[in-house]
Amino acid sequence: MAKVIGAVVVNVERCKGCELCTVACPAGVLAMHENVNEKGYHYSFMANPEACTGCTNCAMVCPDACITVYRVKLPVEG
């Protein structure tokens, strides 16, 4: 059985900082960045990337479709 890790890519300029993705993430991976994009919104980012499982909850709840989730299967050692 393989271990799945995920990576969340946020289109920073499209993000309006609604924070729905941060609430939807069961692993607490996403947070709002202290910087703002060109529109003046704080945007989400992977504050805890090692905890991402690639569940895609964040992408499913994003109303502006600015989140892409990638998954990688790693072989389990042992």
Foldseek 3Di string as FASTA:
>chain_A
DWQKAKAKDFPQQQFQAPCPLCVQDPQNQKDWDPDHHPVRHTGIHGPPRRSGRQPCSSQVPDPRNGMDMDMDTHHDDD
